[in-house]
Amino acid sequence: DYNSVKTKVDALTASGNTCQECGITEANKEIAAKGRPGVKKVVVMLTDGQANYIIGNNQQVPAAEAEAKALNAVKSGFAASKTVFFTIGLGDEGAQNDGRFFSPDYMRQVAELTGGKFYFPAPSELDEVYQEISKLIGKGLLGGFVFSDANMNGAFDTNEPKLSGWTVQATSSAGTKTSVTDTNGNYLFTGLCDGAY
């Protein structure tokens, strides 16, 4: 119900504080409770990138602490439901007022942890970004990263290096697609048809 959603969004007020962890946790809860089997789980975050509050605290905390908590919530959503996060940063990195954009590295990390994509568009480019995201989701999307499992525990630990230049293959009855990991070790397959890979 577009009109209902728009009315509710228009009624929101900002207080100057942002709990990214809270928003991500609520999205994870919604997906866990109402996500339909066989339907892709996706979160699109449009934000100025600032994180300065955490769950269970009533005062501002350092950005590094708030970002770490938010990233843990992202990992939790991905582990539970394979939720892919697309992040859209809005604002000006050089601004010192309400139009400022914070933490592009953090926003990029949120997306890349789950095989999503980070965007930093001008406001006039937002429609184009949403169109691209809808095409990526609609056609099938598979992504992740390659890393060196130094301690051989079968899971990524933050001190383990991600590997660039590695070729990853997705094979199905329709054939094989390849993707090469980027400088951050990430790979992305787009335009995939439904099926087992």
Protein backbone atom coordinates (compact mmCIF):
# COMPACT_ATOMS: atom_id res chain seq x y z
CA ASP A 1 0.00 0.00 0.00
CA TYR A 2 2.15 2.81 -1.37
CA ASN A 3 0.08 5.68 0.08
CA SER A 4 0.06 4.16 3.56
CA VAL A 5 3.82 3.57 3.50
CA LYS A 6 4.51 7.07 2.17
CA THR A 7 2.33 8.66 4.87
CA LYS A 8 4.19 6.75 7.58
CA VAL A 9 7.61 7.63 6.16
CA ASP A 10 6.63 11.30 5.86
CA ALA A 11 5.59 11.28 9.53
CA LEU A 12 9.00 10.08 10.77
CA THR A 13 11.15 12.53 12.71
CA ALA A 14 14.91 12.41 13.25
CA SER A 15 16.56 12.94 16.62
CA GLY A 16 20.19 13.09 15.48
CA ASN A 17 21.06 9.59 16.68
CA THR A 18 21.27 6.41 14.62
CA CYS A 19 21.16 2.84 15.84
CA GLN A 20 22.09 0.90 12.71
CA GLU A 21 22.20 -2.27 14.78
CA CYS A 22 18.55 -1.68 15.78
CA GLY A 23 17.33 -1.32 12.20
CA ILE A 24 19.25 -4.34 10.97
CA THR A 25 18.06 -6.45 13.92
CA GLU A 26 14.43 -5.47 13.24
CA ALA A 27 14.84 -6.36 9.55
CA ASN A 28 16.29 -9.74 10.56
CA LYS A 29 13.30 -10.36 12.87
CA GLU A 30 10.80 -9.48 10.13
CA ILE A 31 12.50 -11.80 7.66
CA ALA A 32 12.70 -14.63 10.20
CA ALA A 33 9.03 -14.24 11.15
CA LYS A 34 7.46 -13.48 7.76
CA GLY A 35 9.99 -14.52 5.12
CA ARG A 36 8.50 -16.92 2.59
CA PRO A 37 10.33 -20.12 1.67
CA GLY A 38 11.94 -19.98 -1.75
CA VAL A 39 11.85 -16.16 -1.88
CA LYS A 40 15.10 -14.20 -1.78
CA LYS A 41 15.76 -12.34 1.46
CA VAL A 42 17.02 -8.80 0.76
CA VAL A 43 17.49 -5.63 2.81
CA VAL A 44 18.07 -2.27 1.14
CA MET A 45 19.60 0.28 3.52
CA LEU A 46 19.38 3.96 2.53
CA THR A 47 21.35 5.94 5.09
CA ASP A 48 23.85 8.69 5.76
CA GLY A 49 26.07 5.91 7.11
CA GLN A 50 26.24 7.20 10.65
CA ALA A 51 26.13 4.67 13.47
CA ASN A 52 26.31 6.07 17.00
CA TYR A 53 23.85 4.09 19.14
CA ILE A 54 23.60 0.40 20.08
CA ILE A 55 20.92 -1.84 21.53
CA GLY A 56 20.67 -1.60 25.30
CA ASN A 57 22.43 1.76 25.61
CA ASN A 58 20.79 5.15 26.04
CA GLN A 59 23.75 7.32 25.07
CA GLN A 60 25.93 7.78 22.05
CA VAL A 61 28.84 5.40 21.59
CA PRO A 62 31.93 5.68 19.34
CA ALA A 63 31.24 4.96 15.67
CA ALA A 64 33.64 1.99 15.68
CA GLU A 65 31.65 0.29 18.45
CA ALA A 66 28.28 0.98 16.83
CA GLU A 67 29.51 -0.18 13.40
CA ALA A 68 30.92 -3.41 14.88
CA LYS A 69 27.55 -4.19 16.52
CA ALA A 70 25.72 -3.45 13.26
CA LEU A 71 28.09 -5.70 11.31
CA ASN A 72 27.45 -8.51 13.79
CA ALA A 73 23.70 -8.07 13.18
CA VAL A 74 24.33 -8.26 9.41
CA LYS A 75 26.32 -11.49 9.87
CA SER A 76 23.50 -12.89 12.01
CA GLY A 77 20.89 -12.15 9.32
CA PHE A 78 23.06 -13.70 6.64
CA ALA A 79 23.74 -16.81 8.73
CA ALA A 80 20.06 -17.29 9.61
CA SER A 81 18.35 -16.46 6.30
CA LYS A 82 21.09 -15.78 3.72
CA THR A 83 19.86 -12.17 3.69
CA VAL A 84 21.67 -10.03 1.13
CA PHE A 85 22.20 -6.38 2.09
CA PHE A 86 22.33 -3.59 -0.48
CA THR A 87 23.55 -0.29 0.97
CA ILE A 88 22.94 3.17 -0.43
CA GLY A 89 24.93 6.03 1.06
CA LEU A 90 23.32 9.43 0.73
CA GLY A 91 25.01 12.74 1.53
CA ASP A 92 28.26 14.61 1.03
CA GLU A 93 31.47 13.21 2.54
CA GLY A 94 32.92 16.72 2.77
CA ALA A 95 29.93 18.35 4.48
CA GLN A 96 29.94 19.32 8.16
CA ASN A 97 26.17 19.64 8.63
CA ASP A 98 23.03 17.54 8.23
CA GLY A 99 23.95 16.71 4.64
CA ARG A 100 27.10 14.83 5.66
CA PHE A 101 27.72 11.23 4.64
CA PHE A 102 29.63 9.05 7.13
CA SER A 103 31.62 5.84 6.84
CA PRO A 104 31.67 4.65 3.22
CA ASP A 105 34.02 1.82 4.25
CA TYR A 106 31.50 0.57 6.81
CA MET A 107 28.63 0.75 4.32
CA ARG A 108 30.68 -1.09 1.70
CA GLN A 109 31.53 -3.78 4.26
CA VAL A 110 27.85 -4.32 5.16
CA ALA A 111 27.06 -5.03 1.50
CA GLU A 112 30.14 -7.09 0.74
CA LEU A 113 29.74 -9.36 3.76
CA THR A 114 26.57 -10.76 2.18
CA GLY A 115 27.26 -10.56 -1.55
CA GLY A 116 25.29 -7.35 -1.94
CA LYS A 117 26.43 -4.08 -3.44
CA PHE A 118 27.24 -0.60 -2.12
CA TYR A 119 26.05 2.52 -3.94
CA PHE A 120 26.98 6.15 -3.35
CA PRO A 121 24.76 8.03 -5.80
CA ALA A 122 23.80 11.64 -6.22
CA PRO A 123 20.16 12.18 -5.20
CA SER A 124 19.21 12.45 -8.88
CA GLU A 125 20.63 8.93 -9.44
CA LEU A 126 18.56 7.19 -6.75
CA ASP A 127 15.87 5.94 -9.13
CA GLU A 128 18.54 4.35 -11.33
CA VAL A 129 20.09 2.64 -8.28
CA TYR A 130 16.74 1.18 -7.19
CA GLN A 131 16.10 -0.01 -10.75
CA GLU A 132 19.47 -1.80 -10.79
CA ILE A 133 18.84 -3.42 -7.41
CA SER A 134 15.44 -4.69 -8.58
CA LYS A 135 17.04 -6.22 -11.68
CA LEU A 136 19.79 -7.88 -9.64
CA ILE A 137 17.25 -9.35 -7.24
CA GLY A 138 14.73 -10.32 -9.90
CA LYS A 139 17.20 -12.13 -12.14
CA GLY A 140 18.99 -14.07 -9.44
CA LEU A 141 22.02 -13.04 -7.49
CA LEU A 142 24.75 -15.09 -5.88
CA GLY A 143 27.81 -13.64 -4.19
CA GLY A 144 30.28 -13.90 -1.40
CA PHE A 145 34.02 -13.75 -0.87
CA VAL A 146 37.07 -15.99 -0.94
CA PHE A 147 39.40 -16.03 2.05
CA SER A 148 42.35 -17.93 3.46
CA ASP A 149 41.07 -20.02 6.36
CA ALA A 150 44.32 -19.74 8.31
CA ASN A 151 43.04 -21.47 11.47
CA MET A 152 41.13 -24.14 9.49
CA ASN A 153 37.88 -23.65 11.44
CA GLY A 154 35.67 -23.49 8.34
CA ALA A 155 34.51 -19.94 9.08
CA PHE A 156 35.73 -16.44 8.25
CA ASP A 157 37.55 -14.65 11.08
CA THR A 158 38.24 -10.92 10.75
CA ASN A 159 42.03 -11.38 10.86
CA GLU A 160 41.99 -13.77 7.88
CA PRO A 161 42.89 -12.27 4.49
CA LYS A 162 40.38 -12.10 1.66
CA LEU A 163 41.84 -13.24 -1.65
CA SER A 164 41.69 -11.24 -4.87
CA GLY A 165 42.07 -12.62 -8.39
CA TRP A 166 40.53 -16.02 -7.66
CA THR A 167 38.13 -17.54 -10.18
CA VAL A 168 34.83 -18.83 -8.78
CA GLN A 169 32.49 -21.00 -10.85
CA ALA A 170 28.74 -21.48 -10.56
CA THR A 171 27.71 -24.63 -12.40
CA SER A 172 24.18 -25.76 -13.21
CA SER A 173 22.49 -27.94 -15.82
CA ALA A 174 22.41 -24.82 -18.04
CA GLY A 175 26.20 -24.45 -17.97
CA THR A 176 28.93 -22.71 -16.01
CA LYS A 177 29.39 -19.03 -15.20
CA THR A 178 32.62 -17.59 -13.81
CA SER A 179 33.44 -14.60 -11.66
CA VAL A 180 36.84 -13.34 -10.53
CA THR A 181 37.20 -11.97 -7.01
CA ASP A 182 37.87 -8.23 -6.80
CA THR A 183 40.55 -6.46 -4.74
CA ASN A 184 38.51 -7.15 -1.59
CA GLY A 185 38.06 -10.87 -2.37
CA ASN A 186 34.39 -10.48 -3.37
CA TYR A 187 32.64 -12.19 -6.26
CA LEU A 188 29.17 -11.67 -7.68
CA PHE A 189 27.06 -13.65 -10.16
CA THR A 190 24.07 -11.82 -11.61
CA GLY A 191 21.32 -12.79 -14.03
CA LEU A 192 21.03 -16.35 -12.71
CA CYS A 193 17.98 -18.44 -13.45
CA ASP A 194 16.30 -20.36 -10.63
CA GLY A 195 17.86 -23.75 -10.01
CA ALA A 196 20.57 -25.59 -8.13
CA TYR A 197 24.18 -24.37 -8.49
